[in-house]
Amino acid sequence: MHKTNARTRLVISVLILLALIAPFVAGTRNNYYLNILISYCYYGIMTISLNLLVGYTGQISLGHGAFMAIGGYAYAILSKTFGLPMPLALLAALCISFSCGLLLGAACCKLNAIFLAIVTIGFARSVGLFLTNEGWLTGGANGFTGIRRMHIFGHRLSNFEFYYVALAALLLMFLVCYRLIYSKTGRAFQAIRTAPIAAAAMGINVNGYKFLVCGISAAMAGLAGVLYALNINYLSPDIFNKTSVFLITMTVIGGMGSLFGPVCGTLVIGTMPELLRPFAEHLNGMYGVLIILVLRFMPEGIYGAITQATRFAADRLARPGKGILPGGRKGG
């Protein structure tokens, strides 16, 4: 069983503490900032799920937002149209998302690189067209309205209370990914990413594990879609059209192949629209520039750069004048 070191436990504890007190800093009755905090939670789940697929298994997906749409719409339809109780509708939405992920995995398990990316784009486009054209079920281009807010024992949750539900879901998904990555299955995922031919030669069922990770990642994205539906109470196909590219941006900038990378990417990209509101029309271009800069100067993402800087600082403090300077030169 993998044991985390003291530094990692400290980082996790600090992040959880900051997340717990964030609503009090933002204002417990300020719904605008509370909605931003809630969006960090469901986008965090999305980036964690995408990182599991891309960062740890090497499966390129440019249509991951489709699973978020599937989860959100499945929950909305089952709870409002068919009248299922919230727990059953939630469980069914996750099962539907998982099944769709397995279907896509079965179709793509033998594809790699650009071919896999093209198929995932086509899948996302197909889901978007279905949601738009089947208005009798999904509301069509006008969207699906009237989604009921989350209730617990008859009590309607406020945004302040719902934030902690979303945060609990995020922490649970983080724990699931952590335990999965450091298990036999997670080691198989990483072997497939690094050298699929060598992994197959060692007896790893490459196609089977690709099939499995697609289902798990899709179910997690479906959960994010359910949280989105419960928070916004409205769904539209247009909402998810650009989500996939948005998620890839978060994952790449934060740092693929690390547990904390998606968290960093979510915080940075999720905050940019608020900080750069006067330049909203140029925001997509800024995302592109930021990706170029990160890939050029921080190939392991923001979290990777922070980790390297921390190690360098710790080394300098432990051995004054003897640390390794940037460029490989020795200090002192």
C-alpha atoms as a PDB file:
ATOM      1  CA  MET A   1       0.000   0.000   0.000  1.00  0.00           C
ATOM      2  CA  HIS A   2       1.362   3.412  -0.983  1.00  0.00           C
ATOM      3  CA  LYS A   3       2.156   5.779   1.905  1.00  0.00           C
ATOM      4  CA  THR A   4       2.192   9.521   1.369  1.00  0.00           C
ATOM      5  CA  ASN A   5       5.127  11.496   2.685  1.00  0.00           C
ATOM      6  CA  ALA A   6       4.817  14.269   5.246  1.00  0.00           C
ATOM      7  CA  ARG A   7       5.060  17.052   2.646  1.00  0.00           C
ATOM      8  CA  THR A   8       2.205  15.622   0.572  1.00  0.00           C
ATOM      9  CA  ARG A   9       0.009  15.211   3.649  1.00  0.00           C
ATOM     10  CA  LEU A  10       0.756  18.808   4.611  1.00  0.00           C
ATOM     11  CA  VAL A  11      -0.177  20.090   1.133  1.00  0.00           C
ATOM     12  CA  ILE A  12      -3.433  18.123   1.164  1.00  0.00           C
ATOM     13  CA  SER A  13      -4.312  19.344   4.662  1.00  0.00           C
ATOM     14  CA  VAL A  14      -3.665  22.983   3.735  1.00  0.00           C
ATOM     15  CA  LEU A  15      -5.734  22.722   0.539  1.00  0.00           C
ATOM     16  CA  ILE A  16      -8.650  21.124   2.385  1.00  0.00           C
ATOM     17  CA  LEU A  17      -8.496  23.784   5.113  1.00  0.00           C
ATOM     18  CA  LEU A  18      -8.491  26.581   2.519  1.00  0.00           C
ATOM     19  CA  ALA A  19     -11.436  24.950   0.721  1.00  0.00           C
ATOM     20  CA  LEU A  20     -13.394  24.681   3.971  1.00  0.00           C
ATOM     21  CA  ILE A  21     -12.962  28.329   4.929  1.00  0.00           C
ATOM     22  CA  ALA A  22     -13.298  29.741   1.383  1.00  0.00           C
ATOM     23  CA  PRO A  23     -17.095  30.356   1.623  1.00  0.00           C
ATOM     24  CA  PHE A  24     -16.623  32.368   4.802  1.00  0.00           C
ATOM     25  CA  VAL A  25     -13.995  34.515   3.089  1.00  0.00           C
ATOM     26  CA  ALA A  26     -16.172  34.981  -0.002  1.00  0.00           C
ATOM     27  CA  GLY A  27     -19.295  35.648   2.041  1.00  0.00           C
ATOM     28  CA  THR A  28     -21.822  33.028   3.104  1.00  0.00           C
ATOM     29  CA  ARG A  29     -24.678  34.941   1.451  1.00  0.00           C
ATOM     30  CA  ASN A  30     -22.831  36.099  -1.651  1.00  0.00           C
ATOM     31  CA  ASN A  31     -24.289  33.730  -4.245  1.00  0.00           C
ATOM     32  CA  TYR A  32     -22.059  35.070  -7.014  1.00  0.00           C
ATOM     33  CA  TYR A  33     -18.818  34.021  -5.335  1.00  0.00           C
ATOM     34  CA  LEU A  34     -20.374  30.843  -3.959  1.00  0.00           C
ATOM     35  CA  ASN A  35     -21.296  29.802  -7.506  1.00  0.00           C
ATOM     36  CA  ILE A  36     -17.681  30.377  -8.551  1.00  0.00           C
ATOM     37  CA  LEU A  37     -16.485  28.166  -5.690  1.00  0.00           C
ATOM     38  CA  ILE A  38     -18.990  25.471  -6.660  1.00  0.00           C
ATOM     39  CA  SER A  39     -17.769  25.648 -10.268  1.00  0.00           C
ATOM     40  CA  TYR A  40     -14.235  24.955  -9.009  1.00  0.00           C
ATOM     41  CA  CYS A  41     -15.579  21.724  -7.526  1.00  0.00           C
ATOM     42  CA  TYR A  42     -17.288  20.282 -10.590  1.00  0.00           C
ATOM     43  CA  TYR A  43     -14.579  21.460 -12.981  1.00  0.00           C
ATOM     44  CA  GLY A  44     -12.049  19.988 -10.578  1.00  0.00           C
ATOM     45  CA  ILE A  45     -13.805  16.629 -10.863  1.00  0.00           C
ATOM     46  CA  MET A  46     -13.761  16.981 -14.648  1.00  0.00           C
ATOM     47  CA  THR A  47     -10.038  17.723 -14.817  1.00  0.00           C
ATOM     48  CA  ILE A  48      -9.245  14.888 -12.405  1.00  0.00           C
ATOM     49  CA  SER A  49     -11.209  12.470 -14.583  1.00  0.00           C
ATOM     50  CA  LEU A  50      -9.581  13.767 -17.778  1.00  0.00           C
ATOM     51  CA  ASN A  51      -6.137  13.580 -16.179  1.00  0.00           C
ATOM     52  CA  LEU A  52      -6.798   9.944 -15.305  1.00  0.00           C
ATOM     53  CA  LEU A  53      -7.526   9.267 -18.962  1.00  0.00           C
ATOM     54  CA  VAL A  54      -4.898  11.485 -20.632  1.00  0.00           C
ATOM     55  CA  GLY A  55      -2.216  12.042 -18.017  1.00  0.00           C
ATOM     56  CA  TYR A  56      -2.004   8.548 -16.556  1.00  0.00           C
ATOM     57  CA  THR A  57      -3.117   6.318 -19.436  1.00  0.00           C
ATOM     58  CA  GLY A  58      -2.091   8.401 -22.437  1.00  0.00           C
ATOM     59  CA  GLN A  59      -5.511   8.281 -24.121  1.00  0.00           C
ATOM     60  CA  ILE A  60      -6.123  11.588 -25.895  1.00  0.00           C
ATOM     61  CA  SER A  61      -9.687  12.823 -25.505  1.00  0.00           C
ATOM     62  CA  LEU A  62     -10.942  16.074 -26.993  1.00  0.00           C
ATOM     63  CA  GLY A  63     -14.598  15.337 -26.325  1.00  0.00           C
ATOM     64  CA  HIS A  64     -14.679  14.722 -22.581  1.00  0.00           C
ATOM     65  CA  GLY A  65     -17.310  17.404 -22.057  1.00  0.00           C
ATOM     66  CA  ALA A  66     -19.818  15.082 -23.719  1.00  0.00           C
ATOM     67  CA  PHE A  67     -19.827  12.835 -20.650  1.00  0.00           C
ATOM     68  CA  MET A  68     -20.525  15.824 -18.442  1.00  0.00           C
ATOM     69  CA  ALA A  69     -23.513  16.603 -20.675  1.00  0.00           C
ATOM     70  CA  ILE A  70     -24.673  12.967 -20.583  1.00  0.00           C
ATOM     71  CA  GLY A  71     -24.551  12.868 -16.779  1.00  0.00           C
ATOM     72  CA  GLY A  72     -26.314  16.212 -16.366  1.00  0.00           C
ATOM     73  CA  TYR A  73     -29.074  15.520 -18.879  1.00  0.00           C
ATOM     74  CA  ALA A  74     -29.599  11.950 -17.674  1.00  0.00           C
ATOM     75  CA  TYR A  75     -30.108  13.178 -14.124  1.00  0.00           C
ATOM     76  CA  ALA A  76     -32.393  16.023 -15.217  1.00  0.00           C
ATOM     77  CA  ILE A  77     -34.576  13.802 -17.393  1.00  0.00           C
ATOM     78  CA  LEU A  78     -34.838  10.998 -14.857  1.00  0.00           C
ATOM     79  CA  SER A  79     -35.581  13.282 -11.913  1.00  0.00           C
ATOM     80  CA  LYS A  80     -37.975  15.737 -13.557  1.00  0.00           C
ATOM     81  CA  THR A  81     -39.540  13.912 -16.512  1.00  0.00           C
ATOM     82  CA  PHE A  82     -39.756  10.451 -14.956  1.00  0.00           C
ATOM     83  CA  GLY A  83     -40.006  11.536 -11.331  1.00  0.00           C
ATOM     84  CA  LEU A  84     -37.248   9.375  -9.886  1.00  0.00           C
ATOM     85  CA  PRO A  85     -35.987  10.284  -6.396  1.00  0.00           C
ATOM     86  CA  MET A  86     -32.703  12.171  -6.378  1.00  0.00           C
ATOM     87  CA  PRO A  87     -30.491   9.256  -5.153  1.00  0.00           C
ATOM     88  CA  LEU A  88     -31.859   6.885  -7.790  1.00  0.00           C
ATOM     89  CA  ALA A  89     -31.597   9.505 -10.542  1.00  0.00           C
ATOM     90  CA  LEU A  90     -28.011  10.250  -9.499  1.00  0.00           C
ATOM     91  CA  LEU A  91     -27.040   6.563  -9.475  1.00  0.00           C
ATOM     92  CA  ALA A  92     -28.727   5.981 -12.835  1.00  0.00           C
ATOM     93  CA  ALA A  93     -26.971   9.026 -14.357  1.00  0.00           C
ATOM     94  CA  LEU A  94     -23.586   7.689 -13.231  1.00  0.00           C
ATOM     95  CA  CYS A  95     -24.402   4.244 -14.651  1.00  0.00           C
ATOM     96  CA  ILE A  96     -25.444   5.770 -17.982  1.00  0.00           C
ATOM     97  CA  SER A  97     -22.260   7.858 -18.153  1.00  0.00           C
ATOM     98  CA  PHE A  98     -20.172   4.798 -17.255  1.00  0.00           C
ATOM     99  CA  SER A  99     -21.901   2.716 -19.951  1.00  0.00           C
ATOM    100  CA  CYS A 100     -21.358   5.401 -22.593  1.00  0.00           C
ATOM    101  CA  GLY A 101     -17.690   5.547 -21.577  1.00  0.00           C
ATOM    102  CA  LEU A 102     -17.413   1.782 -21.974  1.00  0.00           C
ATOM    103  CA  LEU A 103     -19.013   1.967 -25.418  1.00  0.00           C
ATOM    104  CA  LEU A 104     -16.593   4.657 -26.532  1.00  0.00           C
ATOM    105  CA  GLY A 105     -13.723   2.693 -24.998  1.00  0.00           C
ATOM    106  CA  ALA A 106     -14.762  -0.429 -26.902  1.00  0.00           C
ATOM    107  CA  ALA A 107     -14.775   1.551 -30.134  1.00  0.00           C
ATOM    108  CA  CYS A 108     -11.464   3.299 -29.453  1.00  0.00           C
ATOM    109  CA  CYS A 109      -9.383   0.807 -27.481  1.00  0.00           C
ATOM    110  CA  LYS A 110      -7.263  -0.031 -30.546  1.00  0.00           C
ATOM    111  CA  LEU A 111      -6.837   3.579 -31.662  1.00  0.00           C
ATOM    112  CA  ASN A 112      -3.984   5.880 -30.717  1.00  0.00           C
ATOM    113  CA  ALA A 113      -2.906   9.503 -31.022  1.00  0.00           C
ATOM    114  CA  ILE A 114      -4.686  11.576 -33.660  1.00  0.00           C
ATOM    115  CA  PHE A 115      -7.169   8.864 -34.599  1.00  0.00           C
ATOM    116  CA  LEU A 116      -8.411   8.596 -31.015  1.00  0.00           C
ATOM    117  CA  ALA A 117      -8.669  12.385 -30.744  1.00  0.00           C
ATOM    118  CA  ILE A 118     -10.754  12.584 -33.926  1.00  0.00           C
ATOM    119  CA  VAL A 119     -13.145   9.868 -32.722  1.00  0.00           C
ATOM    120  CA  THR A 120     -13.674  11.621 -29.376  1.00  0.00           C
ATOM    121  CA  ILE A 121     -14.389  14.912 -31.159  1.00  0.00           C
ATOM    122  CA  GLY A 122     -16.928  13.112 -33.340  1.00  0.00           C
ATOM    123  CA  PHE A 123     -18.520  11.533 -30.277  1.00  0.00           C
ATOM    124  CA  ALA A 124     -18.892  14.910 -28.568  1.00  0.00           C
ATOM    125  CA  ARG A 125     -20.366  16.384 -31.733  1.00  0.00           C
ATOM    126  CA  SER A 126     -22.862  13.517 -31.980  1.00  0.00           C
ATOM    127  CA  VAL A 127     -23.959  13.984 -28.371  1.00  0.00           C
ATOM    128  CA  GLY A 128     -24.418  17.720 -28.974  1.00  0.00           C
ATOM    129  CA  LEU A 129     -26.550  17.103 -32.065  1.00  0.00           C
ATOM    130  CA  PHE A 130     -28.686  14.550 -30.225  1.00  0.00           C
ATOM    131  CA  LEU A 131     -29.334  16.955 -27.349  1.00  0.00           C
ATOM    132  CA  THR A 132     -30.224  19.739 -29.787  1.00  0.00           C
ATOM    133  CA  ASN A 133     -32.448  17.745 -32.145  1.00  0.00           C
ATOM    134  CA  GLU A 134     -34.342  15.545 -29.670  1.00  0.00           C
ATOM    135  CA  GLY A 135     -36.262  18.430 -28.147  1.00  0.00           C
ATOM    136  CA  TRP A 136     -39.148  16.243 -26.962  1.00  0.00           C
ATOM    137  CA  LEU A 137     -36.753  14.689 -24.433  1.00  0.00           C
ATOM    138  CA  THR A 138     -33.972  17.191 -23.835  1.00  0.00           C
ATOM    139  CA  GLY A 139     -35.639  20.539 -24.506  1.00  0.00           C
ATOM    140  CA  GLY A 140     -33.624  21.015 -27.687  1.00  0.00           C
ATOM    141  CA  ALA A 141     -31.814  24.260 -28.345  1.00  0.00           C
ATOM    142  CA  ASN A 142     -33.985  26.030 -25.751  1.00  0.00           C
ATOM    143  CA  GLY A 143     -32.457  23.899 -23.032  1.00  0.00           C
ATOM    144  CA  PHE A 144     -33.823  21.824 -20.171  1.00  0.00           C
ATOM    145  CA  THR A 145     -35.397  23.945 -17.443  1.00  0.00           C
ATOM    146  CA  GLY A 146     -36.974  23.388 -14.065  1.00  0.00           C
ATOM    147  CA  ILE A 147     -34.324  21.108 -12.584  1.00  0.00           C
ATOM    148  CA  ARG A 148     -35.037  20.867  -8.888  1.00  0.00           C
ATOM    149  CA  ARG A 149     -32.473  22.104  -6.390  1.00  0.00           C
ATOM    150  CA  MET A 150     -30.896  19.528  -4.118  1.00  0.00           C
ATOM    151  CA  HIS A 151     -33.000  18.605  -1.093  1.00  0.00           C
ATOM    152  CA  ILE A 152     -31.926  16.590   1.955  1.00  0.00           C
ATOM    153  CA  PHE A 153     -34.757  15.311   4.178  1.00  0.00           C
ATOM    154  CA  GLY A 154     -37.028  17.944   2.681  1.00  0.00           C
ATOM    155  CA  HIS A 155     -34.604  20.805   3.268  1.00  0.00           C
ATOM    156  CA  ARG A 156     -33.657  22.789   0.178  1.00  0.00           C
ATOM    157  CA  LEU A 157     -29.923  23.404   0.212  1.00  0.00           C
ATOM    158  CA  SER A 158     -28.655  26.944  -0.151  1.00  0.00           C
ATOM    159  CA  ASN A 159     -25.601  27.702  -2.283  1.00  0.00           C
ATOM    160  CA  PHE A 160     -23.513  27.812   0.886  1.00  0.00           C
ATOM    161  CA  GLU A 161     -24.648  24.325   1.905  1.00  0.00           C
ATOM    162  CA  PHE A 162     -24.462  22.920  -1.614  1.00  0.00           C
ATOM    163  CA  TYR A 163     -20.832  24.056  -1.884  1.00  0.00           C
ATOM    164  CA  TYR A 164     -19.857  21.601   0.827  1.00  0.00           C
ATOM    165  CA  VAL A 165     -21.741  18.808  -0.953  1.00  0.00           C
ATOM    166  CA  ALA A 166     -19.810  19.589  -4.149  1.00  0.00           C
ATOM    167  CA  LEU A 167     -16.552  19.829  -2.186  1.00  0.00           C
ATOM    168  CA  ALA A 168     -17.222  16.425  -0.595  1.00  0.00           C
ATOM    169  CA  ALA A 169     -17.785  14.956  -4.079  1.00  0.00           C
ATOM    170  CA  LEU A 170     -14.509  16.489  -5.283  1.00  0.00           C
ATOM    171  CA  LEU A 171     -12.557  15.106  -2.319  1.00  0.00           C
ATOM    172  CA  LEU A 172     -14.146  11.691  -2.816  1.00  0.00           C
ATOM    173  CA  MET A 173     -13.138  11.630  -6.491  1.00  0.00           C
ATOM    174  CA  PHE A 174      -9.639  12.760  -5.552  1.00  0.00           C
ATOM    175  CA  LEU A 175      -9.417   9.886  -3.065  1.00  0.00           C
ATOM    176  CA  VAL A 176     -10.719   7.405  -5.635  1.00  0.00           C
ATOM    177  CA  CYS A 177      -8.094   8.531  -8.162  1.00  0.00           C
ATOM    178  CA  TYR A 178      -5.368   8.451  -5.512  1.00  0.00           C
ATOM    179  CA  ARG A 179      -6.162   4.884  -4.478  1.00  0.00           C
ATOM    180  CA  LEU A 180      -6.577   3.822  -8.108  1.00  0.00           C
ATOM    181  CA  ILE A 181      -3.302   5.343  -9.317  1.00  0.00           C
ATOM    182  CA  TYR A 182      -1.264   3.691  -6.572  1.00  0.00           C
ATOM    183  CA  SER A 183      -2.874   0.297  -7.082  1.00  0.00           C
ATOM    184  CA  LYS A 184      -2.018  -2.518  -9.480  1.00  0.00           C
ATOM    185  CA  THR A 185      -4.554  -1.103 -11.922  1.00  0.00           C
ATOM    186  CA  GLY A 186      -2.968   2.356 -11.750  1.00  0.00           C
ATOM    187  CA  ARG A 187       0.492   0.926 -12.431  1.00  0.00           C
ATOM    188  CA  ALA A 188      -0.956  -0.840 -15.458  1.00  0.00           C
ATOM    189  CA  PHE A 189      -2.438   2.475 -16.663  1.00  0.00           C
ATOM    190  CA  GLN A 190       0.957   4.173 -16.414  1.00  0.00           C
ATOM    191  CA  ALA A 191       2.703   1.285 -18.155  1.00  0.00           C
ATOM    192  CA  ILE A 192       0.233   1.580 -21.043  1.00  0.00           C
ATOM    193  CA  ARG A 193       0.935   5.312 -21.285  1.00  0.00           C
ATOM    194  CA  THR A 194       4.703   4.841 -21.293  1.00  0.00           C
ATOM    195  CA  ALA A 195       5.099   1.777 -23.539  1.00  0.00           C
ATOM    196  CA  PRO A 196       1.923  -0.070 -24.584  1.00  0.00           C
ATOM    197  CA  ILE A 197       3.823  -2.710 -26.571  1.00  0.00           C
ATOM    198  CA  ALA A 198       6.124  -3.476 -23.645  1.00  0.00           C
ATOM    199  CA  ALA A 199       3.100  -3.529 -21.309  1.00  0.00           C
ATOM    200  CA  ALA A 200       1.372  -6.083 -23.531  1.00  0.00           C
ATOM    201  CA  ALA A 201       4.563  -8.168 -23.591  1.00  0.00           C
ATOM    202  CA  MET A 202       4.522  -8.202 -19.779  1.00  0.00           C
ATOM    203  CA  GLY A 203       1.019  -9.679 -19.800  1.00  0.00           C
ATOM    204  CA  ILE A 204      -1.016  -6.515 -19.240  1.00  0.00           C
ATOM    205  CA  ASN A 205      -4.373  -6.547 -21.023  1.00  0.00           C
ATOM    206  CA  VAL A 206      -3.860  -3.206 -22.788  1.00  0.00           C
ATOM    207  CA  ASN A 207      -7.255  -3.054 -24.502  1.00  0.00           C
ATOM    208  CA  GLY A 208      -9.047  -4.161 -21.346  1.00  0.00           C
ATOM    209  CA  TYR A 209      -7.469  -1.446 -19.229  1.00  0.00           C
ATOM    210  CA  LYS A 210      -8.171   1.196 -21.870  1.00  0.00           C
ATOM    211  CA  PHE A 211     -11.762  -0.003 -21.876  1.00  0.00           C
ATOM    212  CA  LEU A 212     -11.919   0.266 -18.076  1.00  0.00           C
ATOM    213  CA  VAL A 213     -10.352   3.731 -17.737  1.00  0.00           C
ATOM    214  CA  CYS A 214     -12.774   5.160 -20.293  1.00  0.00           C
ATOM    215  CA  GLY A 215     -15.720   3.959 -18.190  1.00  0.00           C
ATOM    216  CA  ILE A 216     -14.316   5.224 -14.886  1.00  0.00           C
ATOM    217  CA  SER A 217     -13.381   8.606 -16.335  1.00  0.00           C
ATOM    218  CA  ALA A 218     -16.806   8.975 -17.970  1.00  0.00           C
ATOM    219  CA  ALA A 219     -18.626   8.165 -14.715  1.00  0.00           C
ATOM    220  CA  MET A 220     -16.632  10.831 -12.869  1.00  0.00           C
ATOM    221  CA  ALA A 221     -17.425  13.356 -15.604  1.00  0.00           C
ATOM    222  CA  GLY A 222     -21.081  12.361 -15.330  1.00  0.00           C
ATOM    223  CA  LEU A 223     -20.994  13.175 -11.613  1.00  0.00           C
ATOM    224  CA  ALA A 224     -19.634  16.634 -12.468  1.00  0.00           C
ATOM    225  CA  GLY A 225     -22.545  17.060 -14.887  1.00  0.00           C
ATOM    226  CA  VAL A 226     -25.045  16.163 -12.152  1.00  0.00           C
ATOM    227  CA  LEU A 227     -23.499  18.740  -9.799  1.00  0.00           C
ATOM    228  CA  TYR A 228     -23.665  21.313 -12.587  1.00  0.00           C
ATOM    229  CA  ALA A 229     -27.348  20.568 -13.179  1.00  0.00           C
ATOM    230  CA  LEU A 230     -28.154  20.776  -9.456  1.00  0.00           C
ATOM    231  CA  ASN A 231     -26.339  24.088  -9.140  1.00  0.00           C
ATOM    232  CA  ILE A 232     -27.464  25.923 -12.288  1.00  0.00           C
ATOM    233  CA  ASN A 233     -30.931  24.273 -12.572  1.00  0.00           C
ATOM    234  CA  TYR A 234     -30.709  24.656 -16.344  1.00  0.00           C
ATOM    235  CA  LEU A 235     -28.985  22.720 -19.117  1.00  0.00           C
ATOM    236  CA  SER A 236     -28.342  23.648 -22.743  1.00  0.00           C
ATOM    237  CA  PRO A 237     -26.277  21.905 -25.437  1.00  0.00           C
ATOM    238  CA  ASP A 238     -24.402  25.177 -26.030  1.00  0.00           C
ATOM    239  CA  ILE A 239     -23.018  25.043 -22.496  1.00  0.00           C
ATOM    240  CA  PHE A 240     -20.980  21.931 -23.251  1.00  0.00           C
ATOM    241  CA  ASN A 241     -19.787  22.804 -26.768  1.00  0.00           C
ATOM    242  CA  LYS A 242     -16.541  24.408 -25.598  1.00  0.00           C
ATOM    243  CA  THR A 243     -16.187  22.496 -22.353  1.00  0.00           C
ATOM    244  CA  SER A 244     -13.834  19.853 -23.761  1.00  0.00           C
ATOM    245  CA  VAL A 245     -11.236  22.382 -24.957  1.00  0.00           C
ATOM    246  CA  PHE A 246     -11.639  24.263 -21.667  1.00  0.00           C
ATOM    247  CA  LEU A 247     -10.871  21.049 -19.756  1.00  0.00           C
ATOM    248  CA  ILE A 248      -7.829  20.206 -21.872  1.00  0.00           C
ATOM    249  CA  THR A 249      -6.523  23.713 -21.171  1.00  0.00           C
ATOM    250  CA  MET A 250      -6.952  23.239 -17.421  1.00  0.00           C
ATOM    251  CA  THR A 251      -5.264  19.838 -17.465  1.00  0.00           C
ATOM    252  CA  VAL A 252      -2.282  20.861 -19.602  1.00  0.00           C
ATOM    253  CA  ILE A 253      -1.636  24.107 -17.734  1.00  0.00           C
ATOM    254  CA  GLY A 254      -1.962  22.470 -14.339  1.00  0.00           C
ATOM    255  CA  GLY A 255       0.243  19.523 -15.205  1.00  0.00           C
ATOM    256  CA  MET A 256      -0.728  16.143 -16.621  1.00  0.00           C
ATOM    257  CA  GLY A 257       0.222  12.935 -14.865  1.00  0.00           C
ATOM    258  CA  SER A 258       0.061  14.373 -11.326  1.00  0.00           C
ATOM    259  CA  LEU A 259      -2.712  14.384  -8.763  1.00  0.00           C
ATOM    260  CA  PHE A 260      -2.415  18.065  -7.904  1.00  0.00           C
ATOM    261  CA  GLY A 261      -1.925  19.297 -11.475  1.00  0.00           C
ATOM    262  CA  PRO A 262      -5.658  19.362 -12.295  1.00  0.00           C
ATOM    263  CA  VAL A 263      -6.330  21.287  -9.065  1.00  0.00           C
ATOM    264  CA  CYS A 264      -3.807  23.975 -10.060  1.00  0.00           C
ATOM    265  CA  GLY A 265      -5.182  24.160 -13.596  1.00  0.00           C
ATOM    266  CA  THR A 266      -8.766  24.471 -12.361  1.00  0.00           C
ATOM    267  CA  LEU A 267      -7.904  27.299  -9.993  1.00  0.00           C
ATOM    268  CA  VAL A 268      -5.859  29.230 -12.574  1.00  0.00           C
ATOM    269  CA  ILE A 269      -8.196  28.862 -15.569  1.00  0.00           C
ATOM    270  CA  GLY A 270     -11.322  29.109 -13.425  1.00  0.00           C
ATOM    271  CA  THR A 271     -10.142  32.426 -11.979  1.00  0.00           C
ATOM    272  CA  MET A 272      -8.943  34.004 -15.237  1.00  0.00           C
ATOM    273  CA  PRO A 273     -12.431  34.988 -16.520  1.00  0.00           C
ATOM    274  CA  GLU A 274     -13.057  36.922 -13.299  1.00  0.00           C
ATOM    275  CA  LEU A 275      -9.678  38.658 -13.265  1.00  0.00           C
ATOM    276  CA  LEU A 276      -9.732  39.471 -16.984  1.00  0.00           C
ATOM    277  CA  ARG A 277     -13.388  40.430 -17.317  1.00  0.00           C
ATOM    278  CA  PRO A 278     -12.561  43.679 -19.247  1.00  0.00           C
ATOM    279  CA  PHE A 279     -10.835  41.507 -21.878  1.00  0.00           C
ATOM    280  CA  ALA A 280     -13.522  38.811 -22.064  1.00  0.00           C
ATOM    281  CA  GLU A 281     -13.656  38.889 -25.881  1.00  0.00           C
ATOM    282  CA  HIS A 282      -9.961  37.980 -26.029  1.00  0.00           C
ATOM    283  CA  LEU A 283     -10.072  35.291 -23.350  1.00  0.00           C
ATOM    284  CA  ASN A 284      -9.824  32.297 -25.707  1.00  0.00           C
ATOM    285  CA  GLY A 285      -6.756  33.818 -27.325  1.00  0.00           C
ATOM    286  CA  MET A 286      -5.226  34.333 -23.888  1.00  0.00           C
ATOM    287  CA  TYR A 287      -5.808  30.655 -23.111  1.00  0.00           C
ATOM    288  CA  GLY A 288      -3.876  29.747 -26.256  1.00  0.00           C
ATOM    289  CA  VAL A 289      -0.983  32.045 -25.377  1.00  0.00           C
ATOM    290  CA  LEU A 290      -0.902  30.661 -21.842  1.00  0.00           C
ATOM    291  CA  ILE A 291      -0.756  27.071 -23.122  1.00  0.00           C
ATOM    292  CA  ILE A 292       2.159  27.962 -25.424  1.00  0.00           C
ATOM    293  CA  LEU A 293       4.056  29.670 -22.596  1.00  0.00           C
ATOM    294  CA  VAL A 294       3.451  26.816 -20.166  1.00  0.00           C
ATOM    295  CA  LEU A 295       4.503  24.142 -22.655  1.00  0.00           C
ATOM    296  CA  ARG A 296       7.614  26.161 -23.558  1.00  0.00           C
ATOM    297  CA  PHE A 297       8.815  27.117 -20.089  1.00  0.00           C
ATOM    298  CA  MET A 298       6.974  24.685 -17.786  1.00  0.00           C
ATOM    299  CA  PRO A 299       6.526  21.413 -19.723  1.00  0.00           C
ATOM    300  CA  GLU A 300       5.315  19.639 -16.565  1.00  0.00           C
ATOM    301  CA  GLY A 301       2.706  22.326 -15.929  1.00  0.00           C
ATOM    302  CA  ILE A 302       2.330  24.831 -13.140  1.00  0.00           C
ATOM    303  CA  TYR A 303       2.330  22.173 -10.430  1.00  0.00           C
ATOM    304  CA  GLY A 304       5.482  20.632 -11.872  1.00  0.00           C
ATOM    305  CA  ALA A 305       7.192  24.035 -11.842  1.00  0.00           C
ATOM    306  CA  ILE A 306       6.094  24.638  -8.233  1.00  0.00           C
ATOM    307  CA  THR A 307       7.413  21.205  -7.227  1.00  0.00           C
ATOM    308  CA  GLN A 308      10.788  21.820  -8.882  1.00  0.00           C
ATOM    309  CA  ALA A 309      11.099  25.256  -7.291  1.00  0.00           C
ATOM    310  CA  THR A 310      10.218  23.810  -3.872  1.00  0.00           C
ATOM    311  CA  ARG A 311      12.795  21.040  -4.195  1.00  0.00           C
ATOM    312  CA  PHE A 312      15.453  23.521  -5.302  1.00  0.00           C
ATOM    313  CA  ALA A 313      14.669  25.825  -2.369  1.00  0.00           C
ATOM    314  CA  ALA A 314      14.724  22.901   0.087  1.00  0.00           C
ATOM    315  CA  ASP A 315      18.053  21.731  -1.317  1.00  0.00           C
ATOM    316  CA  ARG A 316      19.542  25.213  -0.980  1.00  0.00           C
ATOM    317  CA  LEU A 317      18.331  25.513   2.599  1.00  0.00           C
ATOM    318  CA  ALA A 318      19.649  22.066   3.506  1.00  0.00           C
ATOM    319  CA  ARG A 319      23.046  22.641   1.872  1.00  0.00           C
ATOM    320  CA  PRO A 320      23.788  26.377   1.659  1.00  0.00           C
ATOM    321  CA  GLY A 321      26.059  27.151  -1.266  1.00  0.00           C
ATOM    322  CA  LYS A 322      25.947  23.561  -2.523  1.00  0.00           C
ATOM    323  CA  GLY A 323      22.567  23.447  -4.230  1.00  0.00           C
ATOM    324  CA  ILE A 324      22.007  22.819  -7.888  1.00  0.00           C
ATOM    325  CA  LEU A 325      21.366  26.029  -9.774  1.00  0.00           C
ATOM    326  CA  PRO A 326      19.119  26.277 -12.841  1.00  0.00           C
ATOM    327  CA  GLY A 327      20.897  24.902 -15.901  1.00  0.00           C
ATOM    328  CA  GLY A 328      22.560  22.102 -13.940  1.00  0.00           C
ATOM    329  CA  ARG A 329      25.401  24.277 -12.494  1.00  0.00           C
ATOM    330  CA  LYS A 330      26.429  23.702  -8.908  1.00  0.00           C
ATOM    331  CA  GLY A 331      26.289  26.558  -6.456  1.00  0.00           C
ATOM    332  CA  GLY A 332      29.071  27.504  -4.038  1.00  0.00           C
END
